[in-house]
Each structure stands twice: as structure tokens, then as C-alpha cells.
Amino acid sequence: MPIGLLTLEIHIPDARSLKDKRQVLRSLKDRLRGQFNVAVAELDHQDVWQRALVGVVTLSNDEHHLRDSLENVAAEAERLLGRDLVSQEIEIL
């Protein structure tokens, strides 16, 4: 069964503390989980205020469906984050 992974690198220039960063990430994670039924977690840079690496994972028996789903998630993340989204990468494992 293929697994789809979307990696989002985020720069949060307005974050002045970890609390500010967590608020931005919590909002993003809640929105993506609720809208797309995916698993979302911060993968790296947990102790850095203005930077985050977020992973989004989903499963399906169809690779085409996985890629389409993650492209929709990436588009929503880009809409929500705007220029704060530094990079995104989709992998099918």
C-alpha cells in the first residue's frame, strides 16, 4: 500500500517566541487535518522560533489518488501561508 508524504518548509517571520510559532502551526495542522483527513506533524526545527518543517501523510491504494490529494493539501497550505511557505515536496513511498 503506497504512502504519500508532503513535506512543507515554513518560515514564520512574525514569530517572536515558540508560543507564536506553535499558534501558527496549530492553526495550519487543524485546518489540514479537518479539511483533508491527513496526519500532520512538525518534523524538525522544534526549538527554532521562525522556522518549521511539517510533514503531512496519507494512505491510499491508488498512487494517482495519493498525488492528487497531496497536491490539494499543498495548494491549501500555500493559500494559508503565502510567502511564508519556503518549499514543498511530495513523495510516494
PDB file of N, CA and C in Angstrom:
ATOM      1  N   MET A   1       0.847  -1.172   0.000  1.00  0.00           N
ATOM      2  CA  MET A   1       0.000   0.000   0.000  1.00  0.00           C
ATOM      3  C   MET A   1       0.895   1.239   0.000  1.00  0.00           C
ATOM      4  N   PRO A   2       0.733   2.114  -0.994  1.00  0.00           N
ATOM      5  CA  PRO A   2       1.569   3.314  -1.058  1.00  0.00           C
ATOM      6  C   PRO A   2       1.217   4.332   0.029  1.00  0.00           C
ATOM      7  N   ILE A   3       2.237   5.059   0.439  1.00  0.00           N
ATOM      8  CA  ILE A   3       2.099   6.118   1.442  1.00  0.00           C
ATOM      9  C   ILE A   3       2.524   7.418   0.782  1.00  0.00           C
ATOM     10  N   GLY A   4       1.723   8.452   0.942  1.00  0.00           N
ATOM     11  CA  GLY A   4       2.057   9.763   0.397  1.00  0.00           C
ATOM     12  C   GLY A   4       2.583  10.671   1.489  1.00  0.00           C
ATOM     13  N   LEU A   5       3.700  11.339   1.210  1.00  0.00           N
ATOM     14  CA  LEU A   5       4.313  12.263   2.163  1.00  0.00           C
ATOM     15  C   LEU A   5       4.498  13.619   1.501  1.00  0.00           C
ATOM     16  N   LEU A   6       3.969  14.638   2.137  1.00  0.00           N
ATOM     17  CA  LEU A   6       4.177  16.020   1.717  1.00  0.00           C
ATOM     18  C   LEU A   6       5.010  16.695   2.791  1.00  0.00           C
ATOM     19  N   THR A   7       6.126  17.285   2.398  1.00  0.00           N
ATOM     20  CA  THR A   7       6.990  17.994   3.335  1.00  0.00           C
ATOM     21  C   THR A   7       6.902  19.487   3.038  1.00  0.00           C
ATOM     22  N   LEU A   8       6.608  20.267   4.070  1.00  0.00           N
ATOM     23  CA  LEU A   8       6.473  21.717   3.937  1.00  0.00           C
ATOM     24  C   LEU A   8       7.543  22.399   4.783  1.00  0.00           C
ATOM     25  N   GLU A   9       8.355  23.230   4.168  1.00  0.00           N
ATOM     26  CA  GLU A   9       9.307  24.037   4.931  1.00  0.00           C
ATOM     27  C   GLU A   9       8.713  25.436   5.051  1.00  0.00           C
ATOM     28  N   ILE A  10       8.634  25.907   6.288  1.00  0.00           N
ATOM     29  CA  ILE A  10       7.922  27.150   6.575  1.00  0.00           C
ATOM     30  C   ILE A  10       8.843  28.123   7.298  1.00  0.00           C
ATOM     31  N   HIS A  11       8.767  29.384   6.892  1.00  0.00           N
ATOM     32  CA  HIS A  11       9.454  30.480   7.585  1.00  0.00           C
ATOM     33  C   HIS A  11       8.365  31.363   8.192  1.00  0.00           C
ATOM     34  N   ILE A  12       8.445  31.623   9.491  1.00  0.00           N
ATOM     35  CA  ILE A  12       7.423  32.393  10.202  1.00  0.00           C
ATOM     36  C   ILE A  12       8.089  33.673  10.718  1.00  0.00           C
ATOM     37  N   PRO A  13       8.181  34.709   9.873  1.00  0.00           N
ATOM     38  CA  PRO A  13       8.944  35.897  10.243  1.00  0.00           C
ATOM     39  C   PRO A  13       8.361  36.677  11.421  1.00  0.00           C
ATOM     40  N   ASP A  14       7.064  36.578  11.650  1.00  0.00           N
ATOM     41  CA  ASP A  14       6.428  37.334  12.735  1.00  0.00           C
ATOM     42  C   ASP A  14       6.510  36.639  14.089  1.00  0.00           C
ATOM     43  N   ALA A  15       7.002  35.414  14.127  1.00  0.00           N
ATOM     44  CA  ALA A  15       7.095  34.690  15.404  1.00  0.00           C
ATOM     45  C   ALA A  15       8.197  35.300  16.261  1.00  0.00           C
ATOM     46  N   ARG A  16       7.838  35.685  17.466  1.00  0.00           N
ATOM     47  CA  ARG A  16       8.804  36.253  18.406  1.00  0.00           C
ATOM     48  C   ARG A  16       9.091  35.300  19.562  1.00  0.00           C
ATOM     49  N   SER A  17       8.392  34.154  19.547  1.00  0.00           N
ATOM     50  CA  SER A  17       8.581  33.151  20.590  1.00  0.00           C
ATOM     51  C   SER A  17       8.100  31.810  20.056  1.00  0.00           C
ATOM     52  N   LEU A  18       8.405  30.751  20.787  1.00  0.00           N
ATOM     53  CA  LEU A  18       7.897  29.427  20.408  1.00  0.00           C
ATOM     54  C   LEU A  18       6.376  29.394  20.495  1.00  0.00           C
ATOM     55  N   LYS A  19       5.815  30.165  21.415  1.00  0.00           N
ATOM     56  CA  LYS A  19       4.356  30.232  21.548  1.00  0.00           C
ATOM     57  C   LYS A  19       3.724  30.796  20.267  1.00  0.00           C
ATOM     58  N   ASP A  20       4.311  31.832  19.694  1.00  0.00           N
ATOM     59  CA  ASP A  20       3.818  32.389  18.431  1.00  0.00           C
ATOM     60  C   ASP A  20       3.906  31.352  17.313  1.00  0.00           C
ATOM     61  N   LYS A  21       5.024  30.653  17.270  1.00  0.00           N
ATOM     62  CA  LYS A  21       5.219  29.623  16.248  1.00  0.00           C
ATOM     63  C   LYS A  21       4.187  28.513  16.402  1.00  0.00           C
ATOM     64  N   ARG A  22       3.981  28.048  17.629  1.00  0.00           N
ATOM     65  CA  ARG A  22       3.011  26.972  17.875  1.00  0.00           C
ATOM     66  C   ARG A  22       1.606  27.382  17.452  1.00  0.00           C
ATOM     67  N   GLN A  23       1.259  28.639  17.660  1.00  0.00           N
ATOM     68  CA  GLN A  23      -0.070  29.117  17.281  1.00  0.00           C
ATOM     69  C   GLN A  23      -0.266  29.024  15.761  1.00  0.00           C
ATOM     70  N   VAL A  24       0.731  29.436  14.998  1.00  0.00           N
ATOM     71  CA  VAL A  24       0.663  29.354  13.539  1.00  0.00           C
ATOM     72  C   VAL A  24       0.564  27.898  13.096  1.00  0.00           C
ATOM     73  N   LEU A  25       1.410  27.041  13.664  1.00  0.00           N
ATOM     74  CA  LEU A  25       1.416  25.629  13.270  1.00  0.00           C
ATOM     75  C   LEU A  25       0.140  24.915  13.688  1.00  0.00           C
ATOM     76  N   ARG A  26      -0.380  25.224  14.865  1.00  0.00           N
ATOM     77  CA  ARG A  26      -1.622  24.595  15.326  1.00  0.00           C
ATOM     78  C   ARG A  26      -2.772  24.933  14.377  1.00  0.00           C
ATOM     79  N   SER A  27      -2.843  26.184  13.961  1.00  0.00           N
ATOM     80  CA  SER A  27      -3.878  26.607  13.025  1.00  0.00           C
ATOM     81  C   SER A  27      -3.750  25.857  11.695  1.00  0.00           C
ATOM     82  N   LEU A  28      -2.532  25.769  11.175  1.00  0.00           N
ATOM     83  CA  LEU A  28      -2.291  25.050   9.920  1.00  0.00           C
ATOM     84  C   LEU A  28      -2.653  23.580  10.062  1.00  0.00           C
ATOM     85  N   LYS A  29      -2.171  22.932  11.129  1.00  0.00           N
ATOM     86  CA  LYS A  29      -2.424  21.499  11.322  1.00  0.00           C
ATOM     87  C   LYS A  29      -3.914  21.219  11.478  1.00  0.00           C
ATOM     88  N   ASP A  30      -4.612  22.024  12.257  1.00  0.00           N
ATOM     89  CA  ASP A  30      -6.050  21.815  12.449  1.00  0.00           C
ATOM     90  C   ASP A  30      -6.807  21.958  11.136  1.00  0.00           C
ATOM     91  N   ARG A  31      -6.441  22.959  10.341  1.00  0.00           N
ATOM     92  CA  ARG A  31      -7.121  23.195   9.066  1.00  0.00           C
ATOM     93  C   ARG A  31      -6.892  22.029   8.107  1.00  0.00           C
ATOM     94  N   LEU A  32      -5.644  21.575   7.984  1.00  0.00           N
ATOM     95  CA  LEU A  32      -5.341  20.493   7.046  1.00  0.00           C
ATOM     96  C   LEU A  32      -5.955  19.174   7.496  1.00  0.00           C
ATOM     97  N   ARG A  33      -5.887  18.885   8.792  1.00  0.00           N
ATOM     98  CA  ARG A  33      -6.498  17.649   9.306  1.00  0.00           C
ATOM     99  C   ARG A  33      -7.999  17.642   9.069  1.00  0.00           C
ATOM    100  N   GLY A  34      -8.647  18.744   9.370  1.00  0.00           N
ATOM    101  CA  GLY A  34     -10.097  18.819   9.242  1.00  0.00           C
ATOM    102  C   GLY A  34     -10.581  18.775   7.809  1.00  0.00           C
ATOM    103  N   GLN A  35      -9.867  19.443   6.930  1.00  0.00           N
ATOM    104  CA  GLN A  35     -10.317  19.547   5.547  1.00  0.00           C
ATOM    105  C   GLN A  35      -9.945  18.331   4.704  1.00  0.00           C
ATOM    106  N   PHE A  36      -8.803  17.695   5.004  1.00  0.00           N
ATOM    107  CA  PHE A  36      -8.300  16.635   4.129  1.00  0.00           C
ATOM    108  C   PHE A  36      -8.155  15.271   4.797  1.00  0.00           C
ATOM    109  N   ASN A  37      -8.415  15.162   6.090  1.00  0.00           N
ATOM    110  CA  ASN A  37      -8.289  13.894   6.806  1.00  0.00           C
ATOM    111  C   ASN A  37      -6.896  13.281   6.616  1.00  0.00           C
ATOM    112  N   VAL A  38      -5.875  14.059   6.943  1.00  0.00           N
ATOM    113  CA  VAL A  38      -4.482  13.629   6.841  1.00  0.00           C
ATOM    114  C   VAL A  38      -3.826  13.731   8.212  1.00  0.00           C
ATOM    115  N   ALA A  39      -2.700  13.064   8.368  1.00  0.00           N
ATOM    116  CA  ALA A  39      -1.900  13.192   9.589  1.00  0.00           C
ATOM    117  C   ALA A  39      -0.872  14.297   9.354  1.00  0.00           C
ATOM    118  N   VAL A  40      -0.721  15.184  10.343  1.00  0.00           N
ATOM    119  CA  VAL A  40       0.183  16.331  10.218  1.00  0.00           C
ATOM    120  C   VAL A  40       1.037  16.421  11.476  1.00  0.00           C
ATOM    121  N   ALA A  41       2.351  16.620  11.295  1.00  0.00           N
ATOM    122  CA  ALA A  41       3.245  16.738  12.454  1.00  0.00           C
ATOM    123  C   ALA A  41       4.435  17.627  12.108  1.00  0.00           C
ATOM    124  N   GLU A  42       4.957  18.310  13.126  1.00  0.00           N
ATOM    125  CA  GLU A  42       6.189  19.071  12.965  1.00  0.00           C
ATOM    126  C   GLU A  42       7.349  18.080  13.041  1.00  0.00           C
ATOM    127  N   LEU A  43       8.215  18.089  12.027  1.00  0.00           N
ATOM    128  CA  LEU A  43       9.280  17.097  11.924  1.00  0.00           C
ATOM    129  C   LEU A  43      10.644  17.594  12.384  1.00  0.00           C
ATOM    130  N   ASP A  44      10.882  18.892  12.279  1.00  0.00           N
ATOM    131  CA  ASP A  44      12.211  19.410  12.604  1.00  0.00           C
ATOM    132  C   ASP A  44      12.110  20.880  12.987  1.00  0.00           C
ATOM    133  N   HIS A  45      13.170  21.386  13.567  1.00  0.00           N
ATOM    134  CA  HIS A  45      13.291  22.792  13.986  1.00  0.00           C
ATOM    135  C   HIS A  45      12.315  23.136  15.115  1.00  0.00           C
ATOM    136  N   GLN A  46      12.040  22.193  16.005  1.00  0.00           N
ATOM    137  CA  GLN A  46      11.087  22.431  17.086  1.00  0.00           C
ATOM    138  C   GLN A  46      11.505  23.562  18.013  1.00  0.00           C
ATOM    139  N   ASP A  47      12.794  23.802  18.162  1.00  0.00           N
ATOM    140  CA  ASP A  47      13.267  24.826  19.094  1.00  0.00           C
ATOM    141  C   ASP A  47      13.659  26.134  18.411  1.00  0.00           C
ATOM    142  N   VAL A  48      13.350  26.253  17.130  1.00  0.00           N
ATOM    143  CA  VAL A  48      13.665  27.474  16.385  1.00  0.00           C
ATOM    144  C   VAL A  48      12.371  28.252  16.184  1.00  0.00           C
ATOM    145  N   TRP A  49      12.344  29.505  16.572  1.00  0.00           N
ATOM    146  CA  TRP A  49      11.113  30.295  16.560  1.00  0.00           C
ATOM    147  C   TRP A  49      10.522  30.520  15.184  1.00  0.00           C
ATOM    148  N   GLN A  50      11.363  30.813  14.206  1.00  0.00           N
ATOM    149  CA  GLN A  50      10.843  31.286  12.928  1.00  0.00           C
ATOM    150  C   GLN A  50      10.934  30.264  11.798  1.00  0.00           C
ATOM    151  N   ARG A  51      11.166  29.026  12.133  1.00  0.00           N
ATOM    152  CA  ARG A  51      11.335  28.006  11.098  1.00  0.00           C
ATOM    153  C   ARG A  51      10.642  26.727  11.520  1.00  0.00           C
ATOM    154  N   ALA A  52      10.053  26.018  10.539  1.00  0.00           N
ATOM    155  CA  ALA A  52       9.400  24.742  10.837  1.00  0.00           C
ATOM    156  C   ALA A  52       9.470  23.835   9.616  1.00  0.00           C
ATOM    157  N   LEU A  53       9.556  22.552   9.869  1.00  0.00           N
ATOM    158  CA  LEU A  53       9.448  21.537   8.833  1.00  0.00           C
ATOM    159  C   LEU A  53       8.262  20.670   9.228  1.00  0.00           C
ATOM    160  N   VAL A  54       7.231  20.674   8.389  1.00  0.00           N
ATOM    161  CA  VAL A  54       5.982  19.983   8.694  1.00  0.00           C
ATOM    162  C   VAL A  54       5.796  18.848   7.701  1.00  0.00           C
ATOM    163  N   GLY A  55       5.395  17.681   8.206  1.00  0.00           N
ATOM    164  CA  GLY A  55       5.106  16.533   7.362  1.00  0.00           C
ATOM    165  C   GLY A  55       3.620  16.239   7.357  1.00  0.00           C
ATOM    166  N   VAL A  56       3.102  15.915   6.179  1.00  0.00           N
ATOM    167  CA  VAL A  56       1.697  15.549   6.001  1.00  0.00           C
ATOM    168  C   VAL A  56       1.687  14.169   5.352  1.00  0.00           C
ATOM    169  N   VAL A  57       0.958  13.229   5.956  1.00  0.00           N
ATOM    170  CA  VAL A  57       0.965  11.847   5.468  1.00  0.00           C
ATOM    171  C   VAL A  57      -0.459  11.367   5.243  1.00  0.00           C
ATOM    172  N   THR A  58      -0.630  10.590   4.172  1.00  0.00           N
ATOM    173  CA  THR A  58      -1.908   9.946   3.909  1.00  0.00           C
ATOM    174  C   THR A  58      -1.657   8.612   3.202  1.00  0.00           C
ATOM    175  N   LEU A  59      -2.639   7.741   3.252  1.00  0.00           N
ATOM    176  CA  LEU A  59      -2.563   6.405   2.652  1.00  0.00           C
ATOM    177  C   LEU A  59      -3.665   6.223   1.621  1.00  0.00           C
ATOM    178  N   SER A  60      -3.394   5.406   0.620  1.00  0.00           N
ATOM    179  CA  SER A  60      -4.411   5.037  -0.360  1.00  0.00           C
ATOM    180  C   SER A  60      -3.899   3.827  -1.126  1.00  0.00           C
ATOM    181  N   ASN A  61      -4.801   3.118  -1.768  1.00  0.00           N
ATOM    182  CA  ASN A  61      -4.363   2.000  -2.598  1.00  0.00           C
ATOM    183  C   ASN A  61      -4.089   2.452  -4.035  1.00  0.00           C
ATOM    184  N   ASP A  62      -4.247   3.749  -4.311  1.00  0.00           N
ATOM    185  CA  ASP A  62      -4.063   4.297  -5.652  1.00  0.00           C
ATOM    186  C   ASP A  62      -3.069   5.463  -5.603  1.00  0.00           C
ATOM    187  N   GLU A  63      -1.921   5.298  -6.259  1.00  0.00           N
ATOM    188  CA  GLU A  63      -0.890   6.337  -6.233  1.00  0.00           C
ATOM    189  C   GLU A  63      -1.374   7.645  -6.856  1.00  0.00           C
ATOM    190  N   HIS A  64      -2.173   7.553  -7.905  1.00  0.00           N
ATOM    191  CA  HIS A  64      -2.699   8.762  -8.554  1.00  0.00           C
ATOM    192  C   HIS A  64      -3.570   9.551  -7.574  1.00  0.00           C
ATOM    193  N   HIS A  65      -4.405   8.845  -6.825  1.00  0.00           N
ATOM    194  CA  HIS A  65      -5.254   9.497  -5.820  1.00  0.00           C
ATOM    195  C   HIS A  65      -4.401  10.139  -4.728  1.00  0.00           C
ATOM    196  N   LEU A  66      -3.343   9.445  -4.305  1.00  0.00           N
ATOM    197  CA  LEU A  66      -2.433   9.998  -3.295  1.00  0.00           C
ATOM    198  C   LEU A  66      -1.825  11.315  -3.764  1.00  0.00           C
ATOM    199  N   ARG A  67      -1.297  11.301  -4.973  1.00  0.00           N
ATOM    200  CA  ARG A  67      -0.646  12.503  -5.501  1.00  0.00           C
ATOM    201  C   ARG A  67      -1.649  13.652  -5.624  1.00  0.00           C
ATOM    202  N   ASP A  68      -2.848  13.363  -6.140  1.00  0.00           N
ATOM    203  CA  ASP A  68      -3.879  14.401  -6.252  1.00  0.00           C
ATOM    204  C   ASP A  68      -4.248  14.967  -4.886  1.00  0.00           C
ATOM    205  N   SER A  69      -4.412  14.092  -3.905  1.00  0.00           N
ATOM    206  CA  SER A  69      -4.773  14.533  -2.553  1.00  0.00           C
ATOM    207  C   SER A  69      -3.698  15.437  -1.966  1.00  0.00           C
ATOM    208  N   LEU A  70      -2.442  15.022  -2.089  1.00  0.00           N
ATOM    209  CA  LEU A  70      -1.357  15.820  -1.525  1.00  0.00           C
ATOM    210  C   LEU A  70      -1.145  17.123  -2.290  1.00  0.00           C
ATOM    211  N   GLU A  71      -1.414  17.133  -3.585  1.00  0.00           N
ATOM    212  CA  GLU A  71      -1.346  18.390  -4.339  1.00  0.00           C
ATOM    213  C   GLU A  71      -2.413  19.365  -3.849  1.00  0.00           C
ATOM    214  N   ASN A  72      -3.596  18.848  -3.510  1.00  0.00           N
ATOM    215  CA  ASN A  72      -4.651  19.699  -2.950  1.00  0.00           C
ATOM    216  C   ASN A  72      -4.254  20.237  -1.580  1.00  0.00           C
ATOM    217  N   VAL A  73      -3.636  19.392  -0.764  1.00  0.00           N
ATOM    218  CA  VAL A  73      -3.162  19.829   0.557  1.00  0.00           C
ATOM    219  C   VAL A  73      -2.089  20.904   0.385  1.00  0.00           C
ATOM    220  N   ALA A  74      -1.161  20.685  -0.541  1.00  0.00           N
ATOM    221  CA  ALA A  74      -0.088  21.656  -0.785  1.00  0.00           C
ATOM    222  C   ALA A  74      -0.659  22.993  -1.256  1.00  0.00           C
ATOM    223  N   ALA A  75      -1.670  22.950  -2.105  1.00  0.00           N
ATOM    224  CA  ALA A  75      -2.297  24.187  -2.582  1.00  0.00           C
ATOM    225  C   ALA A  75      -2.962  24.939  -1.435  1.00  0.00           C
ATOM    226  N   GLU A  76      -3.622  24.217  -0.544  1.00  0.00           N
ATOM    227  CA  GLU A  76      -4.259  24.856   0.613  1.00  0.00           C
ATOM    228  C   GLU A  76      -3.206  25.435   1.556  1.00  0.00           C
ATOM    229  N   ALA A  77      -2.123  24.708   1.776  1.00  0.00           N
ATOM    230  CA  ALA A  77      -1.041  25.217   2.625  1.00  0.00           C
ATOM    231  C   ALA A  77      -0.454  26.489   2.016  1.00  0.00           C
ATOM    232  N   GLU A  78      -0.284  26.493   0.711  1.00  0.00           N
ATOM    233  CA  GLU A  78       0.243  27.683   0.042  1.00  0.00           C
ATOM    234  C   GLU A  78      -0.734  28.851   0.165  1.00  0.00           C
ATOM    235  N   ARG A  79      -2.013  28.566   0.054  1.00  0.00           N
ATOM    236  CA  ARG A  79      -3.024  29.613   0.207  1.00  0.00           C
ATOM    237  C   ARG A  79      -3.002  30.186   1.622  1.00  0.00           C
ATOM    238  N   LEU A  80      -2.879  29.305   2.621  1.00  0.00           N
ATOM    239  CA  LEU A  80      -2.886  29.744   4.019  1.00  0.00           C
ATOM    240  C   LEU A  80      -1.603  30.475   4.413  1.00  0.00           C
ATOM    241  N   LEU A  81      -0.467  29.989   3.939  1.00  0.00           N
ATOM    242  CA  LEU A  81       0.824  30.517   4.380  1.00  0.00           C
ATOM    243  C   LEU A  81       1.388  31.607   3.474  1.00  0.00           C
ATOM    244  N   GLY A  82       0.992  31.601   2.218  1.00  0.00           N
ATOM    245  CA  GLY A  82       1.511  32.594   1.279  1.00  0.00           C
ATOM    246  C   GLY A  82       3.018  32.494   1.136  1.00  0.00           C
ATOM    247  N   ARG A  83       3.682  33.637   1.260  1.00  0.00           N
ATOM    248  CA  ARG A  83       5.135  33.681   1.067  1.00  0.00           C
ATOM    249  C   ARG A  83       5.900  33.024   2.207  1.00  0.00           C
ATOM    250  N   ASP A  84       5.226  32.688   3.297  1.00  0.00           N
ATOM    251  CA  ASP A  84       5.899  32.010   4.413  1.00  0.00           C
ATOM    252  C   ASP A  84       6.227  30.552   4.084  1.00  0.00           C
ATOM    253  N   LEU A  85       5.598  30.008   3.043  1.00  0.00           N
ATOM    254  CA  LEU A  85       5.898  28.639   2.613  1.00  0.00           C
ATOM    255  C   LEU A  85       7.145  28.681   1.729  1.00  0.00           C
ATOM    256  N   VAL A  86       8.246  28.180   2.258  1.00  0.00           N
ATOM    257  CA  VAL A  86       9.535  28.253   1.568  1.00  0.00           C
ATOM    258  C   VAL A  86       9.634  27.183   0.488  1.00  0.00           C
ATOM    259  N   SER A  87       9.251  25.945   0.818  1.00  0.00           N
ATOM    260  CA  SER A  87       9.325  24.859  -0.154  1.00  0.00           C
ATOM    261  C   SER A  87       8.335  23.763   0.214  1.00  0.00           C
ATOM    262  N   GLN A  88       8.038  22.946  -0.786  1.00  0.00           N
ATOM    263  CA  GLN A  88       7.160  21.797  -0.584  1.00  0.00           C
ATOM    264  C   GLN A  88       7.637  20.667  -1.491  1.00  0.00           C
ATOM    265  N   GLU A  89       7.465  19.445  -0.998  1.00  0.00           N
ATOM    266  CA  GLU A  89       7.899  18.275  -1.767  1.00  0.00           C
ATOM    267  C   GLU A  89       6.935  17.131  -1.510  1.00  0.00           C
ATOM    268  N   ILE A  90       6.496  16.490  -2.582  1.00  0.00           N
ATOM    269  CA  ILE A  90       5.610  15.328  -2.485  1.00  0.00           C
ATOM    270  C   ILE A  90       6.415  14.081  -2.830  1.00  0.00           C
ATOM    271  N   GLU A  91       6.295  13.073  -1.975  1.00  0.00           N
ATOM    272  CA  GLU A  91       6.943  11.779  -2.219  1.00  0.00           C
ATOM    273  C   GLU A  91       5.902  10.679  -2.067  1.00  0.00           C
ATOM    274  N   ILE A  92       5.993   9.670  -2.914  1.00  0.00           N
ATOM    275  CA  ILE A  92       5.162   8.477  -2.786  1.00  0.00           C
ATOM    276  C   ILE A  92       6.100   7.348  -2.370  1.00  0.00           C
ATOM    277  N   LEU A  93       5.844   6.772  -1.208  1.00  0.00           N
ATOM    278  CA  LEU A  93       6.718   5.731  -0.656  1.00  0.00           C
ATOM    279  C   LEU A  93       6.091   4.354  -0.816  1.00  0.00           C
TER     280      LEU A  93
END
